[in-house]
C-alpha atoms as a PDB file:
ATOM      1  CA  UNK A   1      13.604  -5.026 -11.383  1.00  0.00           C
ATOM      2  CA  UNK A   2      11.848  -7.046  -8.821  1.00  0.00           C
ATOM      3  CA  UNK A   3      14.780  -8.687  -8.103  1.00  0.00           C
ATOM      4  CA  UNK A   4      16.683  -5.606  -7.468  1.00  0.00           C
ATOM      5  CA  UNK A   5      13.684  -4.413  -5.191  1.00  0.00           C
ATOM      6  CA  UNK A   6      14.066  -7.744  -3.426  1.00  0.00           C
ATOM      7  CA  UNK A   7      17.832  -7.099  -2.451  1.00  0.00           C
ATOM      8  CA  UNK A   8      16.823  -4.133  -0.610  1.00  0.00           C
ATOM      9  CA  UNK A   9      13.442  -4.844   1.183  1.00  0.00           C
ATOM     10  CA  UNK A  10      12.586  -7.288   3.863  1.00  0.00           C
ATOM     11  CA  UNK A  11       8.957  -7.736   4.266  1.00  0.00           C
ATOM     12  CA  UNK A  12       6.913  -6.433   1.119  1.00  0.00           C
ATOM     13  CA  UNK A  13       5.618  -9.158  -1.231  1.00  0.00           C
ATOM     14  CA  UNK A  14       6.856  -8.857  -4.770  1.00  0.00           C
ATOM     15  CA  UNK A  15       5.233  -9.839  -7.994  1.00  0.00           C
ATOM     16  CA  UNK A  16       3.658  -8.982 -11.179  1.00  0.00           C
ATOM     17  CA  UNK A  17      -0.235  -7.838 -11.175  1.00  0.00           C
ATOM     18  CA  UNK A  18      -0.495  -9.318 -14.582  1.00  0.00           C
ATOM     19  CA  UNK A  19       1.848 -11.225 -16.578  1.00  0.00           C
ATOM     20  CA  UNK A  20       0.817 -11.606 -20.276  1.00  0.00           C
ATOM     21  CA  UNK A  21       0.792 -15.502 -20.283  1.00  0.00           C
ATOM     22  CA  UNK A  22       0.270 -15.823 -24.146  1.00  0.00           C
ATOM     23  CA  UNK A  23       3.518 -14.204 -24.958  1.00  0.00           C
ATOM     24  CA  UNK A  24       5.719 -16.669 -22.811  1.00  0.00           C
ATOM     25  CA  UNK A  25       6.090 -20.664 -22.403  1.00  0.00           C
ATOM     26  CA  UNK A  26       4.571 -21.607 -19.039  1.00  0.00           C
ATOM     27  CA  UNK A  27       7.920 -22.994 -18.031  1.00  0.00           C
ATOM     28  CA  UNK A  28       9.665 -19.795 -18.392  1.00  0.00           C
ATOM     29  CA  UNK A  29       6.884 -17.935 -16.222  1.00  0.00           C
ATOM     30  CA  UNK A  30       7.294 -20.845 -13.590  1.00  0.00           C
ATOM     31  CA  UNK A  31      11.022 -20.643 -13.438  1.00  0.00           C
ATOM     32  CA  UNK A  32      10.877 -16.719 -13.275  1.00  0.00           C
ATOM     33  CA  UNK A  33       8.469 -16.748 -10.389  1.00  0.00           C
ATOM     34  CA  UNK A  34      10.405 -19.310  -8.405  1.00  0.00           C
ATOM     35  CA  UNK A  35      13.555 -17.310  -8.888  1.00  0.00           C
ATOM     36  CA  UNK A  36      11.846 -14.116  -7.725  1.00  0.00           C
ATOM     37  CA  UNK A  37      10.893 -16.255  -4.570  1.00  0.00           C
ATOM     38  CA  UNK A  38      14.187 -17.551  -3.869  1.00  0.00           C
ATOM     39  CA  UNK A  39      15.737 -14.123  -4.124  1.00  0.00           C
ATOM     40  CA  UNK A  40      13.124 -12.464  -2.154  1.00  0.00           C
ATOM     41  CA  UNK A  41      13.582 -15.320   0.539  1.00  0.00           C
ATOM     42  CA  UNK A  42       9.828 -16.514  -0.016  1.00  0.00           C
ATOM     43  CA  UNK A  43       8.298 -13.054  -0.815  1.00  0.00           C
ATOM     44  CA  UNK A  44       7.591 -13.914  -4.254  1.00  0.00           C
ATOM     45  CA  UNK A  45       4.223 -13.788  -6.147  1.00  0.00           C
ATOM     46  CA  UNK A  46       2.646 -14.435  -9.541  1.00  0.00           C
ATOM     47  CA  UNK A  47       0.102 -12.470 -11.174  1.00  0.00           C
ATOM     48  CA  UNK A  48      -0.967 -13.910 -14.446  1.00  0.00           C
ATOM     49  CA  UNK A  49      -3.616 -13.290 -17.162  1.00  0.00           C
ATOM     50  CA  UNK A  50      -4.923 -14.214 -20.644  1.00  0.00           C
ATOM     51  CA  UNK A  51      -3.347 -11.133 -22.189  1.00  0.00           C
ATOM     52  CA  UNK A  52      -4.966  -8.378 -24.245  1.00  0.00           C
ATOM     53  CA  UNK A  53      -4.598  -7.704 -27.923  1.00  0.00           C
ATOM     54  CA  UNK A  54      -3.270  -4.135 -27.524  1.00  0.00           C
ATOM     55  CA  UNK A  55      -0.040  -5.695 -26.144  1.00  0.00           C
ATOM     56  CA  UNK A  56       0.264  -8.216 -28.956  1.00  0.00           C
ATOM     57  CA  UNK A  57      -1.053  -6.862 -32.254  1.00  0.00           C
ATOM     58  CA  UNK A  58       2.004  -4.649 -33.212  1.00  0.00           C
ATOM     59  CA  UNK A  59       4.398  -7.437 -32.635  1.00  0.00           C
ATOM     60  CA  UNK A  60       2.386  -9.878 -34.755  1.00  0.00           C
ATOM     61  CA  UNK A  61       1.722 -12.320 -31.964  1.00  0.00           C
ATOM     62  CA  UNK A  62      -1.507 -14.214 -32.690  1.00  0.00           C
ATOM     63  CA  UNK A  63      -4.287 -13.813 -30.236  1.00  0.00           C
ATOM     64  CA  UNK A  64      -6.529 -16.725 -30.960  1.00  0.00           C
ATOM     65  CA  UNK A  65      -8.118 -18.768 -27.999  1.00  0.00           C
ATOM     66  CA  UNK A  66      -6.399 -16.873 -25.363  1.00  0.00           C
ATOM     67  CA  UNK A  67      -8.638 -18.248 -22.481  1.00  0.00           C
ATOM     68  CA  UNK A  68      -7.935 -21.917 -23.511  1.00  0.00           C
ATOM     69  CA  UNK A  69      -4.335 -21.220 -23.731  1.00  0.00           C
ATOM     70  CA  UNK A  70      -4.173 -19.492 -20.214  1.00  0.00           C
ATOM     71  CA  UNK A  71      -5.832 -22.493 -18.616  1.00  0.00           C
ATOM     72  CA  UNK A  72      -3.296 -24.941 -20.016  1.00  0.00           C
ATOM     73  CA  UNK A  73      -0.609 -22.617 -18.856  1.00  0.00           C
ATOM     74  CA  UNK A  74      -1.907 -22.547 -15.350  1.00  0.00           C
ATOM     75  CA  UNK A  75      -2.171 -26.298 -15.471  1.00  0.00           C
ATOM     76  CA  UNK A  76       1.551 -26.197 -16.417  1.00  0.00           C
ATOM     77  CA  UNK A  77       3.021 -23.716 -14.044  1.00  0.00           C
ATOM     78  CA  UNK A  78       1.476 -25.876 -11.290  1.00  0.00           C
ATOM     79  CA  UNK A  79       2.838 -29.318 -12.455  1.00  0.00           C
ATOM     80  CA  UNK A  80       6.287 -27.716 -12.665  1.00  0.00           C
ATOM     81  CA  UNK A  81       5.984 -26.132  -9.304  1.00  0.00           C
ATOM     82  CA  UNK A  82       6.144 -29.519  -7.855  1.00  0.00           C
ATOM     83  CA  UNK A  83       8.638 -30.949 -10.245  1.00  0.00           C
ATOM     84  CA  UNK A  84      12.069 -31.740  -9.075  1.00  0.00           C
ATOM     85  CA  UNK A  85      15.040 -34.048 -10.780  1.00  0.00           C
ATOM     86  CA  UNK A  86      13.672 -36.552  -8.794  1.00  0.00           C
ATOM     87  CA  UNK A  87      10.071 -36.025  -9.840  1.00  0.00           C
ATOM     88  CA  UNK A  88       9.958 -35.424 -13.673  1.00  0.00           C
ATOM     89  CA  UNK A  89       6.558 -34.308 -15.221  1.00  0.00           C
ATOM     90  CA  UNK A  90       4.676 -35.022 -18.374  1.00  0.00           C
ATOM     91  CA  UNK A  91       1.962 -32.752 -20.001  1.00  0.00           C
ATOM     92  CA  UNK A  92      -0.208 -33.573 -23.015  1.00  0.00           C
ATOM     93  CA  UNK A  93      -2.483 -30.458 -24.094  1.00  0.00           C
ATOM     94  CA  UNK A  94      -3.712 -28.944 -27.076  1.00  0.00           C
ATOM     95  CA  UNK A  95      -1.228 -26.000 -26.684  1.00  0.00           C
ATOM     96  CA  UNK A  96       1.496 -27.292 -24.608  1.00  0.00           C
ATOM     97  CA  UNK A  97       3.559 -30.489 -23.986  1.00  0.00           C
ATOM     98  CA  UNK A  98       5.791 -31.561 -21.317  1.00  0.00           C
ATOM     99  CA  UNK A  99       8.303 -34.942 -21.558  1.00  0.00           C
ATOM    100  CA  UNK A 100       9.594 -35.502 -18.343  1.00  0.00           C
ATOM    101  CA  UNK A 101      10.338 -32.139 -17.521  1.00  0.00           C
ATOM    102  CA  UNK A 102      11.415 -30.536 -14.353  1.00  0.00           C
ATOM    103  CA  UNK A 103      12.711 -27.216 -12.706  1.00  0.00           C
ATOM    104  CA  UNK A 104      16.050 -27.619 -10.969  1.00  0.00           C
ATOM    105  CA  UNK A 105      14.958 -24.778  -8.483  1.00  0.00           C
ATOM    106  CA  UNK A 106      12.383 -25.323  -5.937  1.00  0.00           C
ATOM    107  CA  UNK A 107      10.385 -22.412  -4.060  1.00  0.00           C
ATOM    108  CA  UNK A 108      10.774 -21.212  -0.532  1.00  0.00           C
ATOM    109  CA  UNK A 109       7.539 -20.379   0.016  1.00  0.00           C
ATOM    110  CA  UNK A 110       5.443 -23.620   0.544  1.00  0.00           C
ATOM    111  CA  UNK A 111       3.633 -25.085  -1.356  1.00  0.00           C
ATOM    112  CA  UNK A 112       4.495 -22.542  -4.130  1.00  0.00           C
ATOM    113  CA  UNK A 113       4.532 -18.715  -4.825  1.00  0.00           C
ATOM    114  CA  UNK A 114       0.823 -17.878  -4.816  1.00  0.00           C
ATOM    115  CA  UNK A 115      -0.860 -17.566  -8.403  1.00  0.00           C
ATOM    116  CA  UNK A 116      -3.124 -14.281  -8.389  1.00  0.00           C
ATOM    117  CA  UNK A 117      -5.310 -14.360 -11.424  1.00  0.00           C
ATOM    118  CA  UNK A 118      -6.499 -11.456 -13.283  1.00  0.00           C
ATOM    119  CA  UNK A 119     -10.126 -12.484 -14.129  1.00  0.00           C
ATOM    120  CA  UNK A 120     -13.317 -10.449 -15.176  1.00  0.00           C
ATOM    121  CA  UNK A 121     -15.316 -12.658 -17.276  1.00  0.00           C
ATOM    122  CA  UNK A 122     -17.627 -15.677 -16.171  1.00  0.00           C
ATOM    123  CA  UNK A 123     -15.327 -18.378 -17.742  1.00  0.00           C
ATOM    124  CA  UNK A 124     -12.042 -16.602 -16.131  1.00  0.00           C
ATOM    125  CA  UNK A 125     -13.879 -16.370 -12.796  1.00  0.00           C
ATOM    126  CA  UNK A 126     -14.460 -19.837 -12.534  1.00  0.00           C
ATOM    127  CA  UNK A 127     -10.924 -20.472 -13.787  1.00  0.00           C
ATOM    128  CA  UNK A 128     -10.058 -18.515 -10.675  1.00  0.00           C
ATOM    129  CA  UNK A 129     -11.969 -20.502  -8.146  1.00  0.00           C
ATOM    130  CA  UNK A 130     -10.292 -23.746  -9.742  1.00  0.00           C
ATOM    131  CA  UNK A 131      -6.663 -23.005 -10.018  1.00  0.00           C
ATOM    132  CA  UNK A 132      -6.099 -19.569  -8.216  1.00  0.00           C
ATOM    133  CA  UNK A 133      -4.712 -18.712  -4.768  1.00  0.00           C
ATOM    134  CA  UNK A 134      -6.016 -15.055  -5.131  1.00  0.00           C
ATOM    135  CA  UNK A 135      -7.782 -12.891  -7.623  1.00  0.00           C
ATOM    136  CA  UNK A 136      -6.354  -9.724  -8.577  1.00  0.00           C
ATOM    137  CA  UNK A 137      -9.015  -7.248 -10.713  1.00  0.00           C
ATOM    138  CA  UNK A 138      -8.429  -3.897 -11.568  1.00  0.00           C
ATOM    139  CA  UNK A 139     -11.480  -1.161 -12.436  1.00  0.00           C
ATOM    140  CA  UNK A 140     -14.075  -2.433 -10.220  1.00  0.00           C
ATOM    141  CA  UNK A 141     -16.739  -1.031  -8.358  1.00  0.00           C
ATOM    142  CA  UNK A 142     -17.958  -2.501  -4.888  1.00  0.00           C
ATOM    143  CA  UNK A 143     -21.223  -4.109  -6.377  1.00  0.00           C
ATOM    144  CA  UNK A 144     -19.174  -5.807  -9.269  1.00  0.00           C
ATOM    145  CA  UNK A 145     -16.542  -7.069  -6.610  1.00  0.00           C
ATOM    146  CA  UNK A 146     -19.261  -8.653  -4.690  1.00  0.00           C
ATOM    147  CA  UNK A 147     -20.889 -10.299  -7.709  1.00  0.00           C
ATOM    148  CA  UNK A 148     -17.802 -11.758  -9.097  1.00  0.00           C
ATOM    149  CA  UNK A 149     -16.480 -12.736  -5.561  1.00  0.00           C
ATOM    150  CA  UNK A 150     -19.699 -14.970  -5.504  1.00  0.00           C
ATOM    151  CA  UNK A 151     -18.683 -16.693  -8.999  1.00  0.00           C
ATOM    152  CA  UNK A 152     -15.155 -17.614  -7.636  1.00  0.00           C
ATOM    153  CA  UNK A 153     -16.442 -19.052  -4.268  1.00  0.00           C
ATOM    154  CA  UNK A 154     -18.752 -21.159  -6.156  1.00  0.00           C
ATOM    155  CA  UNK A 155     -16.215 -22.374  -8.583  1.00  0.00           C
ATOM    156  CA  UNK A 156     -14.007 -23.072  -5.448  1.00  0.00           C
ATOM    157  CA  UNK A 157     -16.545 -25.395  -4.025  1.00  0.00           C
ATOM    158  CA  UNK A 158     -17.723 -26.914  -7.174  1.00  0.00           C
ATOM    159  CA  UNK A 159     -13.679 -27.827  -7.724  1.00  0.00           C
ATOM    160  CA  UNK A 160     -13.690 -29.424  -4.214  1.00  0.00           C
ATOM    161  CA  UNK A 161     -11.050 -26.924  -3.247  1.00  0.00           C
ATOM    162  CA  UNK A 162      -9.868 -27.599   0.387  1.00  0.00           C
ATOM    163  CA  UNK A 163     -11.249 -25.593   3.416  1.00  0.00           C
ATOM    164  CA  UNK A 164      -7.664 -24.396   3.782  1.00  0.00           C
ATOM    165  CA  UNK A 165      -7.514 -23.164   0.283  1.00  0.00           C
ATOM    166  CA  UNK A 166     -10.888 -21.441   0.663  1.00  0.00           C
ATOM    167  CA  UNK A 167     -10.077 -19.582   3.919  1.00  0.00           C
ATOM    168  CA  UNK A 168      -6.599 -18.407   2.494  1.00  0.00           C
ATOM    169  CA  UNK A 169      -7.574 -17.238  -0.553  1.00  0.00           C
ATOM    170  CA  UNK A 170      -6.889 -13.534  -1.502  1.00  0.00           C
ATOM    171  CA  UNK A 171      -9.531 -11.522  -2.701  1.00  0.00           C
ATOM    172  CA  UNK A 172      -7.404  -8.460  -3.845  1.00  0.00           C
ATOM    173  CA  UNK A 173      -8.090  -5.204  -5.412  1.00  0.00           C
ATOM    174  CA  UNK A 174      -5.982  -2.822  -7.511  1.00  0.00           C
ATOM    175  CA  UNK A 175      -7.425   0.480  -6.559  1.00  0.00           C
ATOM    176  CA  UNK A 176      -6.725   4.267  -7.273  1.00  0.00           C
ATOM    177  CA  UNK A 177      -6.022   6.432  -4.377  1.00  0.00           C
ATOM    178  CA  UNK A 178      -5.647  10.217  -4.967  1.00  0.00           C
ATOM    179  CA  UNK A 179      -4.922  12.326  -1.807  1.00  0.00           C
ATOM    180  CA  UNK A 180      -6.149  15.970  -2.225  1.00  0.00           C
ATOM    181  CA  UNK A 181      -7.500  18.889  -0.116  1.00  0.00           C
ATOM    182  CA  UNK A 182      -9.953  19.596  -3.087  1.00  0.00           C
ATOM    183  CA  UNK A 183     -11.672  16.301  -4.055  1.00  0.00           C
ATOM    184  CA  UNK A 184     -13.569  17.670  -6.756  1.00  0.00           C
ATOM    185  CA  UNK A 185     -10.875  19.179  -8.490  1.00  0.00           C
ATOM    186  CA  UNK A 186      -8.835  15.860  -8.219  1.00  0.00           C
ATOM    187  CA  UNK A 187     -11.886  13.998  -9.362  1.00  0.00           C
ATOM    188  CA  UNK A 188     -12.056  16.053 -12.388  1.00  0.00           C
ATOM    189  CA  UNK A 189      -8.350  15.256 -13.330  1.00  0.00           C
ATOM    190  CA  UNK A 190      -9.094  11.510 -13.331  1.00  0.00           C
ATOM    191  CA  UNK A 191     -12.703  11.090 -14.365  1.00  0.00           C
ATOM    192  CA  UNK A 192     -12.204  10.229 -17.850  1.00  0.00           C
ATOM    193  CA  UNK A 193      -9.531   7.469 -17.273  1.00  0.00           C
ATOM    194  CA  UNK A 194     -11.702   5.877 -14.415  1.00  0.00           C
ATOM    195  CA  UNK A 195     -14.645   5.666 -16.621  1.00  0.00           C
ATOM    196  CA  UNK A 196     -12.529   4.225 -19.446  1.00  0.00           C
ATOM    197  CA  UNK A 197     -11.048   1.463 -17.227  1.00  0.00           C
ATOM    198  CA  UNK A 198     -14.982   0.759 -15.936  1.00  0.00           C
ATOM    199  CA  UNK A 199     -16.121   0.594 -19.479  1.00  0.00           C
ATOM    200  CA  UNK A 200     -16.728  -3.285 -19.805  1.00  0.00           C
ATOM    201  CA  UNK A 201     -19.794  -5.582 -20.110  1.00  0.00           C
ATOM    202  CA  UNK A 202     -19.803  -6.791 -16.522  1.00  0.00           C
ATOM    203  CA  UNK A 203     -19.916  -3.064 -15.096  1.00  0.00           C
ATOM    204  CA  UNK A 204     -22.607  -2.254 -17.322  1.00  0.00           C
ATOM    205  CA  UNK A 205     -24.849  -5.463 -16.332  1.00  0.00           C
ATOM    206  CA  UNK A 206     -24.194  -5.170 -12.667  1.00  0.00           C
ATOM    207  CA  UNK A 207     -25.221  -1.365 -12.672  1.00  0.00           C
ATOM    208  CA  UNK A 208     -28.098  -1.754 -15.215  1.00  0.00           C
ATOM    209  CA  UNK A 209     -26.319   0.582 -17.689  1.00  0.00           C
ATOM    210  CA  UNK A 210     -27.699   0.347 -21.179  1.00  0.00           C
ATOM    211  CA  UNK A 211     -25.133  -0.815 -23.698  1.00  0.00           C
ATOM    212  CA  UNK A 212     -23.783   1.336 -26.230  1.00  0.00           C
ATOM    213  CA  UNK A 213     -25.738   0.633 -29.646  1.00  0.00           C
ATOM    214  CA  UNK A 214     -23.150  -0.245 -32.156  1.00  0.00           C
ATOM    215  CA  UNK A 215     -20.156  -0.882 -29.935  1.00  0.00           C
ATOM    216  CA  UNK A 216     -18.728  -4.317 -29.821  1.00  0.00           C
ATOM    217  CA  UNK A 217     -17.053  -5.317 -27.053  1.00  0.00           C
ATOM    218  CA  UNK A 218     -15.881  -8.681 -28.623  1.00  0.00           C
ATOM    219  CA  UNK A 219     -14.215  -6.702 -31.466  1.00  0.00           C
ATOM    220  CA  UNK A 220     -12.675  -4.468 -28.984  1.00  0.00           C
ATOM    221  CA  UNK A 221     -11.001  -6.882 -26.843  1.00  0.00           C
ATOM    222  CA  UNK A 222      -9.669  -8.824 -29.928  1.00  0.00           C
ATOM    223  CA  UNK A 223      -8.833  -5.884 -32.382  1.00  0.00           C
ATOM    224  CA  UNK A 224      -7.981  -2.711 -30.245  1.00  0.00           C
ATOM    225  CA  UNK A 225      -4.440  -1.493 -30.217  1.00  0.00           C
ATOM    226  CA  UNK A 226      -2.770   1.841 -29.463  1.00  0.00           C
ATOM    227  CA  UNK A 227      -1.949   2.249 -33.086  1.00  0.00           C
ATOM    228  CA  UNK A 228      -5.876   2.224 -33.952  1.00  0.00           C
ATOM    229  CA  UNK A 229      -7.233   5.708 -32.853  1.00  0.00           C
ATOM    230  CA  UNK A 230     -10.450   4.728 -33.942  1.00  0.00           C
ATOM    231  CA  UNK A 231     -11.470   2.200 -31.070  1.00  0.00           C
ATOM    232  CA  UNK A 232      -9.548   4.641 -28.582  1.00  0.00           C
ATOM    233  CA  UNK A 233     -12.314   7.438 -29.764  1.00  0.00           C
ATOM    234  CA  UNK A 234     -15.095   4.869 -29.359  1.00  0.00           C
ATOM    235  CA  UNK A 235     -14.102   3.703 -25.918  1.00  0.00           C
ATOM    236  CA  UNK A 236     -13.799   7.283 -24.616  1.00  0.00           C
ATOM    237  CA  UNK A 237     -17.203   8.084 -25.995  1.00  0.00           C
ATOM    238  CA  UNK A 238     -18.933   5.040 -24.559  1.00  0.00           C
ATOM    239  CA  UNK A 239     -17.134   5.327 -21.103  1.00  0.00           C
ATOM    240  CA  UNK A 240     -19.090   8.814 -20.749  1.00  0.00           C
ATOM    241  CA  UNK A 241     -22.423   7.042 -20.375  1.00  0.00           C
ATOM    242  CA  UNK A 242     -21.107   5.607 -16.929  1.00  0.00           C
ATOM    243  CA  UNK A 243     -22.480   7.749 -14.228  1.00  0.00           C
ATOM    244  CA  UNK A 244     -20.254   9.682 -12.047  1.00  0.00           C
ATOM    245  CA  UNK A 245     -21.649   8.052  -9.075  1.00  0.00           C
ATOM    246  CA  UNK A 246     -20.719   4.593 -10.190  1.00  0.00           C
ATOM    247  CA  UNK A 247     -17.316   5.721 -11.360  1.00  0.00           C
ATOM    248  CA  UNK A 248     -16.466   7.714  -8.317  1.00  0.00           C
ATOM    249  CA  UNK A 249     -17.154   4.615  -5.928  1.00  0.00           C
ATOM    250  CA  UNK A 250     -14.498   2.418  -7.673  1.00  0.00           C
ATOM    251  CA  UNK A 251     -11.842   4.843  -6.506  1.00  0.00           C
ATOM    252  CA  UNK A 252     -10.584   7.020  -3.322  1.00  0.00           C
ATOM    253  CA  UNK A 253     -10.150  10.690  -3.712  1.00  0.00           C
ATOM    254  CA  UNK A 254      -9.996  13.329  -1.093  1.00  0.00           C
ATOM    255  CA  UNK A 255      -8.601  13.637   2.196  1.00  0.00           C
ATOM    256  CA  UNK A 256      -7.899  10.832   4.494  1.00  0.00           C
ATOM    257  CA  UNK A 257     -11.494  10.865   6.008  1.00  0.00           C
ATOM    258  CA  UNK A 258     -12.742  10.707   2.326  1.00  0.00           C
ATOM    259  CA  UNK A 259     -10.809   7.736   1.362  1.00  0.00           C
ATOM    260  CA  UNK A 260     -11.240   5.536   4.435  1.00  0.00           C
ATOM    261  CA  UNK A 261     -15.028   5.041   3.857  1.00  0.00           C
ATOM    262  CA  UNK A 262     -13.892   3.901   0.134  1.00  0.00           C
ATOM    263  CA  UNK A 263     -11.799   1.153   1.582  1.00  0.00           C
ATOM    264  CA  UNK A 264     -14.436   0.090   4.452  1.00  0.00           C
ATOM    265  CA  UNK A 265     -17.029  -0.471   1.675  1.00  0.00           C
ATOM    266  CA  UNK A 266     -14.836  -2.463  -0.433  1.00  0.00           C
ATOM    267  CA  UNK A 267     -13.936  -4.628   2.859  1.00  0.00           C
ATOM    268  CA  UNK A 268     -17.804  -5.348   3.431  1.00  0.00           C
ATOM    269  CA  UNK A 269     -17.627  -6.408  -0.582  1.00  0.00           C
ATOM    270  CA  UNK A 270     -15.076  -9.069   0.425  1.00  0.00           C
ATOM    271  CA  UNK A 271     -11.751  -7.624  -0.451  1.00  0.00           C
ATOM    272  CA  UNK A 272      -9.062  -8.615   1.880  1.00  0.00           C
ATOM    273  CA  UNK A 273      -5.879  -7.578   0.089  1.00  0.00           C
ATOM    274  CA  UNK A 274      -5.421  -4.315  -1.419  1.00  0.00           C
ATOM    275  CA  UNK A 275      -3.016  -3.153  -4.050  1.00  0.00           C
ATOM    276  CA  UNK A 276      -2.801   0.625  -4.346  1.00  0.00           C
ATOM    277  CA  UNK A 277      -1.738   3.046  -7.092  1.00  0.00           C
ATOM    278  CA  UNK A 278      -1.047   6.554  -6.074  1.00  0.00           C
ATOM    279  CA  UNK A 279      -2.359   9.359  -8.146  1.00  0.00           C
ATOM    280  CA  UNK A 280      -0.816  13.205  -7.663  1.00  0.00           C
ATOM    281  CA  UNK A 281       2.986  14.277  -7.838  1.00  0.00           C
ATOM    282  CA  UNK A 282       3.828  13.550  -4.212  1.00  0.00           C
ATOM    283  CA  UNK A 283       4.098   9.866  -4.610  1.00  0.00           C
ATOM    284  CA  UNK A 284       6.094   9.088  -1.487  1.00  0.00           C
ATOM    285  CA  UNK A 285       4.080  11.398   0.774  1.00  0.00           C
ATOM    286  CA  UNK A 286       0.971   9.725  -0.423  1.00  0.00           C
ATOM    287  CA  UNK A 287       2.431   6.502   0.711  1.00  0.00           C
ATOM    288  CA  UNK A 288       3.152   8.068   4.102  1.00  0.00           C
ATOM    289  CA  UNK A 289      -0.192   9.497   4.387  1.00  0.00           C
ATOM    290  CA  UNK A 290      -1.758   6.226   3.749  1.00  0.00           C
ATOM    291  CA  UNK A 291       0.392   4.403   6.172  1.00  0.00           C
ATOM    292  CA  UNK A 292      -0.167   6.984   9.072  1.00  0.00           C
ATOM    293  CA  UNK A 293      -3.777   7.948   8.493  1.00  0.00           C
ATOM    294  CA  UNK A 294      -5.563   4.997   6.690  1.00  0.00           C
ATOM    295  CA  UNK A 295      -3.902   1.824   7.597  1.00  0.00           C
ATOM    296  CA  UNK A 296      -4.487   2.264  11.290  1.00  0.00           C
ATOM    297  CA  UNK A 297      -7.904   2.832  11.213  1.00  0.00           C
ATOM    298  CA  UNK A 298      -8.578  -0.162   8.775  1.00  0.00           C
ATOM    299  CA  UNK A 299      -6.648  -2.457  11.219  1.00  0.00           C
ATOM    300  CA  UNK A 300      -8.508  -1.241  13.948  1.00  0.00           C
ATOM    301  CA  UNK A 301     -11.708  -2.069  12.288  1.00  0.00           C
END
C-alpha cells in the first residue's frame, strides 16, 4: 500500500507508525524500509516497536523478552543499512546472527531512512535516545510527553550522540483530531476510547492517579488478546478512573479555534512533528480544514 501511495505522491513522507519487530527478521525490515525509500525517491521512514501480545497470541508467536529482541533488531537494522556487497557485515547476538551479510540496495535518503521508535517505558525511552532518529508515541498528555522527552534527551547525551543527531531528532506525536461544531457531543463519542488509550502506568504516575487495586499491568501487556474479553472489561473499568480533564488534554476536539491551543500546548511540551488521525465522517474535509485553518496559525507561531 505504501508503495502505491508513493507512486501517486511527491512530497509526503511515508512509513509505518509501528512495525511489529518481533514478527519479522530484522534483515526483512531493513530491506523493506530501503525499498520504500527507493520507490518514494527518499521519502521512506521506519516506525518500529517491540510488539504487543495482543497481536501475537492467536498466532502462537512467542512474546518472550520482546524488548531485548527489539534492541538487537535495531542494532542489526542499522548495521545492514550501512552494508553493501563491498561492505559485508557480521553480528553475533543472543537472538540474531549475521555472517558476511549485506543488502544489495542502498537507501536514497542519507545516511538511511529515519528510525522512529515507539517507546513508552523507561528502558525503551533510553533505547530511543541511543538508537533512534525520532520518537513516535501515541496516547499521551502534554505532561507525559515532557517527562518522557527528558529521558530521551538524557539518553542521547549519555550515549554520546552527535550534536547534529540531537538537533535533528524528531519528537513526534500521534494525536487524534475531531472537528465539530459541538465539542461536548463529539468528546462524549470518543471519551471511552481516549481513556483506554491513556490507561497505562506512566500516565497514572505523571498525573498522580491512584493505580487500580488488583490490576496487573505486566499481565495485561503480556496476556491481553482480542479473544480474551476478561482483560478488555478490566481495561475499560480501570480507564474510567482517569479524569476527563487529563484525558481531554491528549486530543483536539471542536472548532479550529478549539484545536489550535491543544497543538500549541504540545509544541511547548517539545513536539516538533505531528502525525494526525482524524475522527468523524468527513475525513478529507477534516484534512482540508486542518490545512487551511490550523496549519497556517502553527507555522506563523
